[in-house]
Amino acid sequence: MQKVQIKIQIEPGCEDLSLPKYQTEHASGMDLIAAVTQPVTLEPGDYQLIPTGIRIELPIGYEAQVRPRSGLAIKSGIGVLNSPGTIDADYRGNVGVILINHSKESFIIHRGDRIAQLVIQPVLKAEFKIENKLEQTKRNSGGFGSTDQ
């Protein structure tokens, strides 16, 4: 497994919170922690930006993806609204997570709760080349549901 060093800065007042970390040896995502000062209640259908209390400096050529935690999704119906959220290599602000409550019950976020995952990925830059004709495939222009049998 390739490793990359990520610089991190802790926001003032968040020194008591855990840094993002992998929960198992082969996990691809690190848990992000809620840096709320008071409990936050998400009512059914509501969404809110939850701070994590950290800033990161990614190396050029990498991005960080903010993804939902499967446990929160299956147990409580909580997801990440813009999933995956992208953190670009030139962003230096507080890492925030837009949580949404898809359930029919209120959900309370407490300081220190694990709220999302952070996955670090290399980025490829694409260059578009205009062509008059594209290579044909079996699927061709078949869209949503076109591969269902």
N, C-alpha and C. Protein backbone atom coordinates (compact mmCIF):
# COMPACT_ATOMS: atom_id res chain seq x y z
N MET A 1 0.85 -1.18 0.00
CA MET A 1 0.00 0.00 0.00
C MET A 1 0.90 1.24 0.00
N GLN A 2 0.65 2.13 -0.94
CA GLN A 2 1.42 3.36 -1.05
C GLN A 2 1.02 4.33 0.06
N LYS A 3 2.01 5.02 0.65
CA LYS A 3 1.73 6.01 1.69
C LYS A 3 2.11 7.39 1.19
N VAL A 4 1.36 8.38 1.63
CA VAL A 4 1.62 9.78 1.30
C VAL A 4 1.48 10.58 2.59
N GLN A 5 2.36 11.55 2.77
CA GLN A 5 2.32 12.37 3.98
C GLN A 5 1.38 13.56 3.78
N ILE A 6 0.47 13.74 4.71
CA ILE A 6 -0.50 14.84 4.68
C ILE A 6 -0.22 15.74 5.87
N LYS A 7 0.01 17.02 5.61
CA LYS A 7 0.19 17.98 6.70
C LYS A 7 -1.19 18.33 7.26
N ILE A 8 -1.27 18.47 8.58
CA ILE A 8 -2.54 18.76 9.23
C ILE A 8 -2.36 19.85 10.27
N GLN A 9 -3.36 20.70 10.41
CA GLN A 9 -3.37 21.74 11.41
C GLN A 9 -4.65 21.59 12.22
N ILE A 10 -4.52 21.67 13.53
CA ILE A 10 -5.68 21.55 14.42
C ILE A 10 -6.20 22.95 14.73
N GLU A 11 -7.50 23.13 14.57
CA GLU A 11 -8.12 24.42 14.87
C GLU A 11 -8.03 24.70 16.38
N PRO A 12 -7.86 25.98 16.76
CA PRO A 12 -7.85 26.31 18.19
C PRO A 12 -9.13 25.81 18.87
N GLY A 13 -8.97 25.22 20.02
CA GLY A 13 -10.11 24.68 20.77
C GLY A 13 -10.47 23.26 20.40
N CYS A 14 -9.74 22.66 19.46
CA CYS A 14 -10.05 21.29 19.02
C CYS A 14 -8.92 20.31 19.37
N GLU A 15 -8.03 20.72 20.23
CA GLU A 15 -6.89 19.87 20.60
C GLU A 15 -7.31 18.60 21.33
N ASP A 16 -8.52 18.57 21.88
CA ASP A 16 -9.02 17.40 22.60
C ASP A 16 -9.55 16.31 21.66
N LEU A 17 -9.71 16.64 20.38
CA LEU A 17 -10.31 15.69 19.44
C LEU A 17 -9.25 14.81 18.78
N SER A 18 -9.65 13.61 18.40
CA SER A 18 -8.76 12.69 17.71
C SER A 18 -8.48 13.17 16.30
N LEU A 19 -7.27 12.92 15.84
CA LEU A 19 -6.94 13.17 14.44
C LEU A 19 -7.62 12.11 13.59
N PRO A 20 -7.82 12.38 12.31
CA PRO A 20 -8.37 11.33 11.44
C PRO A 20 -7.48 10.10 11.52
N LYS A 21 -8.11 8.92 11.61
CA LYS A 21 -7.30 7.70 11.68
C LYS A 21 -8.05 6.53 11.08
N TYR A 22 -7.26 5.57 10.62
CA TYR A 22 -7.81 4.33 10.07
C TYR A 22 -8.21 3.44 11.24
N GLN A 23 -9.38 2.81 11.15
CA GLN A 23 -9.86 1.96 12.24
C GLN A 23 -9.36 0.52 12.13
N THR A 24 -8.96 0.11 10.92
CA THR A 24 -8.41 -1.23 10.74
C THR A 24 -7.17 -1.14 9.85
N GLU A 25 -6.40 -2.19 9.83
CA GLU A 25 -5.13 -2.20 9.10
C GLU A 25 -5.29 -1.92 7.61
N HIS A 26 -6.33 -2.44 6.99
CA HIS A 26 -6.49 -2.30 5.55
C HIS A 26 -7.62 -1.36 5.14
N ALA A 27 -8.07 -0.53 6.06
CA ALA A 27 -9.13 0.44 5.75
C ALA A 27 -8.62 1.46 4.74
N SER A 28 -9.47 1.89 3.84
CA SER A 28 -9.09 2.91 2.87
C SER A 28 -9.49 4.31 3.33
N GLY A 29 -10.40 4.39 4.28
CA GLY A 29 -10.87 5.69 4.77
C GLY A 29 -10.53 5.89 6.23
N MET A 30 -10.18 7.15 6.56
CA MET A 30 -9.92 7.55 7.95
C MET A 30 -11.17 8.22 8.48
N ASP A 31 -11.50 7.96 9.73
CA ASP A 31 -12.69 8.58 10.31
C ASP A 31 -12.45 10.05 10.62
N LEU A 32 -13.43 10.88 10.26
CA LEU A 32 -13.44 12.29 10.61
C LEU A 32 -14.32 12.49 11.84
N ILE A 33 -13.93 13.40 12.71
CA ILE A 33 -14.58 13.61 14.00
C ILE A 33 -15.35 14.93 14.01
N ALA A 34 -16.52 14.95 14.64
CA ALA A 34 -17.32 16.17 14.77
C ALA A 34 -16.67 17.11 15.79
N ALA A 35 -16.45 18.35 15.37
CA ALA A 35 -15.85 19.35 16.26
C ALA A 35 -16.90 20.38 16.70
N VAL A 36 -18.11 19.89 16.93
CA VAL A 36 -19.18 20.79 17.38
C VAL A 36 -18.94 21.17 18.84
N THR A 37 -19.34 22.38 19.21
CA THR A 37 -19.17 22.80 20.60
C THR A 37 -20.36 22.40 21.47
N GLN A 38 -21.52 22.27 20.84
CA GLN A 38 -22.75 21.83 21.50
C GLN A 38 -23.36 20.73 20.63
N PRO A 39 -24.15 19.83 21.22
CA PRO A 39 -24.83 18.82 20.38
C PRO A 39 -25.66 19.48 19.29
N VAL A 40 -25.65 18.87 18.11
CA VAL A 40 -26.40 19.37 16.96
C VAL A 40 -27.45 18.32 16.62
N THR A 41 -28.71 18.74 16.51
CA THR A 41 -29.79 17.83 16.15
C THR A 41 -30.14 18.00 14.69
N LEU A 42 -30.09 16.88 13.97
CA LEU A 42 -30.55 16.85 12.58
C LEU A 42 -31.93 16.22 12.57
N GLU A 43 -32.91 17.02 12.21
CA GLU A 43 -34.27 16.50 12.09
C GLU A 43 -34.39 15.73 10.78
N PRO A 44 -35.39 14.86 10.62
CA PRO A 44 -35.56 14.14 9.36
C PRO A 44 -35.58 15.09 8.17
N GLY A 45 -34.76 14.79 7.17
CA GLY A 45 -34.67 15.60 5.97
C GLY A 45 -33.73 16.79 6.07
N ASP A 46 -33.27 17.11 7.27
CA ASP A 46 -32.37 18.25 7.45
C ASP A 46 -30.94 17.89 7.09
N TYR A 47 -30.17 18.91 6.74
CA TYR A 47 -28.74 18.76 6.52
C TYR A 47 -28.02 19.95 7.13
N GLN A 48 -26.78 19.74 7.50
CA GLN A 48 -26.00 20.81 8.13
C GLN A 48 -24.51 20.57 7.94
N LEU A 49 -23.76 21.66 7.83
CA LEU A 49 -22.31 21.58 7.74
C LEU A 49 -21.74 21.39 9.13
N ILE A 50 -21.03 20.28 9.31
CA ILE A 50 -20.44 19.95 10.60
C ILE A 50 -18.92 20.12 10.50
N PRO A 51 -18.33 20.96 11.37
CA PRO A 51 -16.88 21.15 11.31
C PRO A 51 -16.14 19.95 11.90
N THR A 52 -14.92 19.75 11.42
CA THR A 52 -14.08 18.66 11.94
C THR A 52 -12.92 19.17 12.78
N GLY A 53 -12.69 20.48 12.76
CA GLY A 53 -11.62 21.05 13.57
C GLY A 53 -10.22 20.88 13.01
N ILE A 54 -10.15 20.53 11.73
CA ILE A 54 -8.83 20.36 11.12
C ILE A 54 -8.76 21.08 9.78
N ARG A 55 -7.54 21.39 9.39
CA ARG A 55 -7.20 21.87 8.06
C ARG A 55 -6.11 20.95 7.55
N ILE A 56 -6.11 20.68 6.26
CA ILE A 56 -5.08 19.78 5.72
C ILE A 56 -4.39 20.43 4.53
N GLU A 57 -3.16 19.98 4.29
CA GLU A 57 -2.40 20.40 3.11
C GLU A 57 -2.04 19.14 2.34
N LEU A 58 -2.76 18.95 1.25
CA LEU A 58 -2.52 17.79 0.41
C LEU A 58 -1.38 18.07 -0.56
N PRO A 59 -0.60 17.06 -0.89
CA PRO A 59 0.42 17.25 -1.93
C PRO A 59 -0.27 17.50 -3.28
N ILE A 60 0.38 18.28 -4.14
CA ILE A 60 -0.14 18.50 -5.48
C ILE A 60 -0.28 17.13 -6.16
N GLY A 61 -1.38 16.92 -6.85
CA GLY A 61 -1.63 15.65 -7.51
C GLY A 61 -2.49 14.70 -6.69
N TYR A 62 -3.00 15.19 -5.53
CA TYR A 62 -3.88 14.38 -4.68
C TYR A 62 -5.14 15.14 -4.34
N GLU A 63 -6.17 14.42 -4.00
CA GLU A 63 -7.41 14.98 -3.47
C GLU A 63 -7.80 14.18 -2.25
N ALA A 64 -8.66 14.75 -1.42
CA ALA A 64 -9.27 14.01 -0.32
C ALA A 64 -10.75 13.94 -0.60
N GLN A 65 -11.33 12.76 -0.44
CA GLN A 65 -12.75 12.56 -0.65
C GLN A 65 -13.43 12.34 0.70
N VAL A 66 -14.49 13.10 0.95
CA VAL A 66 -15.28 12.95 2.18
C VAL A 66 -16.45 12.04 1.83
N ARG A 67 -16.52 10.91 2.49
CA ARG A 67 -17.54 9.90 2.19
C ARG A 67 -18.33 9.55 3.45
N PRO A 68 -19.55 9.01 3.26
CA PRO A 68 -20.35 8.60 4.41
C PRO A 68 -19.73 7.41 5.13
N ARG A 69 -20.10 7.24 6.37
CA ARG A 69 -19.75 6.04 7.13
C ARG A 69 -20.91 5.06 6.97
N SER A 70 -20.59 3.84 6.59
CA SER A 70 -21.65 2.85 6.34
C SER A 70 -22.44 2.55 7.61
N GLY A 71 -21.79 2.54 8.75
CA GLY A 71 -22.49 2.28 10.01
C GLY A 71 -23.55 3.33 10.31
N LEU A 72 -23.21 4.61 10.11
CA LEU A 72 -24.20 5.67 10.33
C LEU A 72 -25.34 5.57 9.33
N ALA A 73 -25.01 5.18 8.10
CA ALA A 73 -26.05 5.06 7.07
C ALA A 73 -27.04 3.96 7.40
N ILE A 74 -26.55 2.77 7.72
CA ILE A 74 -27.45 1.63 7.94
C ILE A 74 -28.18 1.71 9.28
N LYS A 75 -27.51 2.23 10.31
CA LYS A 75 -28.13 2.27 11.65
C LYS A 75 -29.02 3.49 11.85
N SER A 76 -28.65 4.63 11.24
CA SER A 76 -29.36 5.87 11.54
C SER A 76 -29.83 6.66 10.33
N GLY A 77 -29.53 6.19 9.12
CA GLY A 77 -29.96 6.91 7.92
C GLY A 77 -29.21 8.21 7.68
N ILE A 78 -27.99 8.31 8.19
CA ILE A 78 -27.20 9.53 8.06
C ILE A 78 -26.20 9.38 6.92
N GLY A 79 -26.17 10.36 6.03
CA GLY A 79 -25.25 10.33 4.90
C GLY A 79 -24.55 11.66 4.72
N VAL A 80 -23.68 11.71 3.73
CA VAL A 80 -22.99 12.94 3.34
C VAL A 80 -23.69 13.47 2.10
N LEU A 81 -24.19 14.69 2.17
CA LEU A 81 -25.05 15.23 1.12
C LEU A 81 -24.35 15.30 -0.23
N ASN A 82 -23.16 15.80 -0.30
CA ASN A 82 -22.44 15.92 -1.57
C ASN A 82 -21.40 14.81 -1.68
N SER A 83 -21.86 13.59 -1.59
CA SER A 83 -20.96 12.44 -1.50
C SER A 83 -20.51 11.96 -2.87
N PRO A 84 -19.21 11.76 -3.08
CA PRO A 84 -18.18 12.19 -2.15
C PRO A 84 -17.88 13.67 -2.30
N GLY A 85 -17.64 14.30 -1.17
CA GLY A 85 -17.18 15.69 -1.19
C GLY A 85 -15.70 15.70 -1.55
N THR A 86 -15.28 16.67 -2.33
CA THR A 86 -13.89 16.73 -2.77
C THR A 86 -13.16 17.87 -2.07
N ILE A 87 -11.99 17.56 -1.54
CA ILE A 87 -11.08 18.57 -1.00
C ILE A 87 -9.89 18.61 -1.95
N ASP A 88 -9.71 19.77 -2.59
CA ASP A 88 -8.63 19.94 -3.55
C ASP A 88 -7.31 20.23 -2.85
N ALA A 89 -6.22 20.01 -3.58
CA ALA A 89 -4.88 20.19 -3.02
C ALA A 89 -4.59 21.64 -2.65
N ASP A 90 -5.31 22.60 -3.21
CA ASP A 90 -5.05 24.00 -2.88
C ASP A 90 -6.01 24.57 -1.83
N TYR A 91 -6.88 23.75 -1.25
CA TYR A 91 -7.81 24.21 -0.21
C TYR A 91 -7.12 24.14 1.15
N ARG A 92 -7.24 25.21 1.93
CA ARG A 92 -6.62 25.25 3.25
C ARG A 92 -7.61 25.58 4.38
N GLY A 93 -8.89 25.59 4.08
CA GLY A 93 -9.88 25.91 5.10
C GLY A 93 -10.22 24.72 5.98
N ASN A 94 -11.10 24.98 6.95
CA ASN A 94 -11.56 23.92 7.84
C ASN A 94 -12.28 22.85 7.03
N VAL A 95 -11.95 21.62 7.29
CA VAL A 95 -12.62 20.50 6.64
C VAL A 95 -14.00 20.36 7.28
N GLY A 96 -15.03 20.48 6.47
CA GLY A 96 -16.39 20.34 6.96
C GLY A 96 -17.09 19.19 6.26
N VAL A 97 -18.12 18.67 6.90
CA VAL A 97 -18.89 17.55 6.35
C VAL A 97 -20.36 17.96 6.34
N ILE A 98 -20.99 17.89 5.16
CA ILE A 98 -22.42 18.21 5.06
C ILE A 98 -23.19 16.92 5.32
N LEU A 99 -23.66 16.77 6.56
CA LEU A 99 -24.43 15.57 6.92
C LEU A 99 -25.90 15.80 6.63
N ILE A 100 -26.58 14.73 6.20
CA ILE A 100 -28.02 14.77 5.94
C ILE A 100 -28.68 13.59 6.66
N ASN A 101 -29.86 13.86 7.19
CA ASN A 101 -30.63 12.84 7.89
C ASN A 101 -31.72 12.31 6.96
N HIS A 102 -31.50 11.11 6.44
CA HIS A 102 -32.48 10.47 5.54
C HIS A 102 -33.52 9.66 6.31
N SER A 103 -33.40 9.60 7.62
CA SER A 103 -34.31 8.76 8.41
C SER A 103 -35.59 9.51 8.78
N LYS A 104 -36.43 8.85 9.56
CA LYS A 104 -37.66 9.46 10.05
C LYS A 104 -37.54 9.88 11.51
N GLU A 105 -36.32 9.76 12.05
CA GLU A 105 -36.06 10.08 13.45
C GLU A 105 -35.03 11.20 13.55
N SER A 106 -35.08 11.98 14.62
CA SER A 106 -34.04 12.98 14.88
C SER A 106 -32.72 12.27 15.16
N PHE A 107 -31.63 12.93 14.80
CA PHE A 107 -30.30 12.37 15.04
C PHE A 107 -29.45 13.45 15.69
N ILE A 108 -28.78 13.11 16.78
CA ILE A 108 -27.97 14.07 17.51
C ILE A 108 -26.49 13.78 17.27
N ILE A 109 -25.77 14.84 16.89
CA ILE A 109 -24.32 14.76 16.68
C ILE A 109 -23.65 15.38 17.90
N HIS A 110 -22.77 14.61 18.52
CA HIS A 110 -22.03 15.08 19.70
C HIS A 110 -20.58 15.35 19.34
N ARG A 111 -19.95 16.17 20.11
CA ARG A 111 -18.52 16.45 19.94
C ARG A 111 -17.76 15.12 20.03
N GLY A 112 -16.88 14.88 19.09
CA GLY A 112 -16.06 13.68 19.09
C GLY A 112 -16.67 12.50 18.36
N ASP A 113 -17.92 12.62 17.89
CA ASP A 113 -18.54 11.53 17.12
C ASP A 113 -17.80 11.34 15.80
N ARG A 114 -17.69 10.09 15.38
CA ARG A 114 -17.13 9.79 14.06
C ARG A 114 -18.26 10.00 13.05
N ILE A 115 -18.08 10.96 12.14
CA ILE A 115 -19.20 11.38 11.29
C ILE A 115 -19.03 11.05 9.80
N ALA A 116 -17.82 10.81 9.35
CA ALA A 116 -17.58 10.56 7.93
C ALA A 116 -16.21 9.92 7.77
N GLN A 117 -15.88 9.59 6.53
CA GLN A 117 -14.56 9.04 6.22
C GLN A 117 -13.83 9.98 5.27
N LEU A 118 -12.52 9.99 5.38
CA LEU A 118 -11.67 10.76 4.49
C LEU A 118 -10.77 9.79 3.74
N VAL A 119 -10.87 9.80 2.41
CA VAL A 119 -10.08 8.91 1.56
C VAL A 119 -9.16 9.79 0.70
N ILE A 120 -7.87 9.48 0.70
CA ILE A 120 -6.89 10.22 -0.08
C ILE A 120 -6.66 9.48 -1.39
N GLN A 121 -6.75 10.23 -2.51
CA GLN A 121 -6.63 9.61 -3.84
C GLN A 121 -5.73 10.46 -4.74
N PRO A 122 -4.96 9.80 -5.62
CA PRO A 122 -4.24 10.56 -6.64
C PRO A 122 -5.24 11.11 -7.67
N VAL A 123 -4.86 12.19 -8.31
CA VAL A 123 -5.73 12.84 -9.29
C VAL A 123 -5.05 12.81 -10.66
N LEU A 124 -5.80 12.46 -11.66
CA LEU A 124 -5.33 12.54 -13.05
C LEU A 124 -5.94 13.78 -13.69
N LYS A 125 -5.18 14.50 -14.45
CA LYS A 125 -5.69 15.66 -15.18
C LYS A 125 -6.02 15.22 -16.59
N ALA A 126 -7.23 15.51 -17.04
CA ALA A 126 -7.69 15.12 -18.37
C ALA A 126 -7.50 16.27 -19.36
N GLU A 127 -7.19 15.92 -20.58
CA GLU A 127 -7.18 16.87 -21.68
C GLU A 127 -8.18 16.37 -22.70
N PHE A 128 -9.10 17.23 -23.11
CA PHE A 128 -10.09 16.84 -24.10
C PHE A 128 -9.55 17.04 -25.51
N LYS A 129 -9.87 16.09 -26.37
CA LYS A 129 -9.47 16.15 -27.77
C LYS A 129 -10.74 15.99 -28.60
N ILE A 130 -11.08 16.99 -29.37
CA ILE A 130 -12.29 16.95 -30.18
C ILE A 130 -12.10 15.95 -31.33
N GLU A 131 -13.08 15.07 -31.47
CA GLU A 131 -13.08 14.06 -32.54
C GLU A 131 -14.43 14.14 -33.26
N ASN A 132 -14.43 13.83 -34.54
CA ASN A 132 -15.67 13.80 -35.31
C ASN A 132 -16.45 12.51 -35.07
N LYS A 133 -15.75 11.47 -34.65
CA LYS A 133 -16.40 10.17 -34.45
C LYS A 133 -15.75 9.48 -33.25
N LEU A 134 -16.58 8.85 -32.42
CA LEU A 134 -16.09 8.08 -31.27
C LEU A 134 -16.19 6.59 -31.58
N GLU A 135 -15.32 5.80 -30.96
CA GLU A 135 -15.35 4.34 -31.16
C GLU A 135 -16.68 3.78 -30.67
N GLN A 136 -17.28 2.89 -31.45
CA GLN A 136 -18.56 2.27 -31.09
C GLN A 136 -18.34 1.13 -30.10
N THR A 137 -19.31 0.92 -29.20
CA THR A 137 -19.27 -0.19 -28.24
C THR A 137 -20.59 -0.93 -28.28
N LYS A 138 -20.64 -2.06 -27.61
CA LYS A 138 -21.88 -2.83 -27.53
C LYS A 138 -22.97 -2.01 -26.83
N ARG A 139 -22.60 -1.30 -25.78
CA ARG A 139 -23.56 -0.48 -25.03
C ARG A 139 -23.91 0.79 -25.80
N ASN A 140 -22.92 1.40 -26.42
CA ASN A 140 -23.07 2.64 -27.17
C ASN A 140 -23.71 3.73 -26.32
N SER A 141 -24.87 4.26 -26.69
CA SER A 141 -25.46 5.37 -25.94
C SER A 141 -26.51 4.90 -24.93
N GLY A 142 -26.56 3.61 -24.62
CA GLY A 142 -27.51 3.11 -23.63
C GLY A 142 -27.22 3.75 -22.29
N GLY A 143 -28.22 4.35 -21.67
CA GLY A 143 -28.02 5.09 -20.43
C GLY A 143 -28.52 4.36 -19.21
N PHE A 144 -29.15 5.09 -18.31
CA PHE A 144 -29.60 4.57 -17.04
C PHE A 144 -30.45 3.32 -17.22
N GLY A 145 -30.03 2.23 -16.59
CA GLY A 145 -30.79 0.98 -16.63
C GLY A 145 -30.64 0.19 -17.90
N SER A 146 -29.79 0.63 -18.82
CA SER A 146 -29.69 -0.04 -20.11
C SER A 146 -29.01 -1.40 -20.03
N THR A 147 -28.29 -1.67 -18.95
CA THR A 147 -27.60 -2.97 -18.84
C THR A 147 -28.41 -3.99 -18.03
N ASP A 148 -29.59 -3.57 -17.53
CA ASP A 148 -30.44 -4.51 -16.78
C ASP A 148 -30.97 -5.59 -17.71
N GLN A 149 -31.04 -6.81 -17.22
CA GLN A 149 -31.54 -7.94 -18.03
C GLN A 149 -32.98 -8.23 -17.71
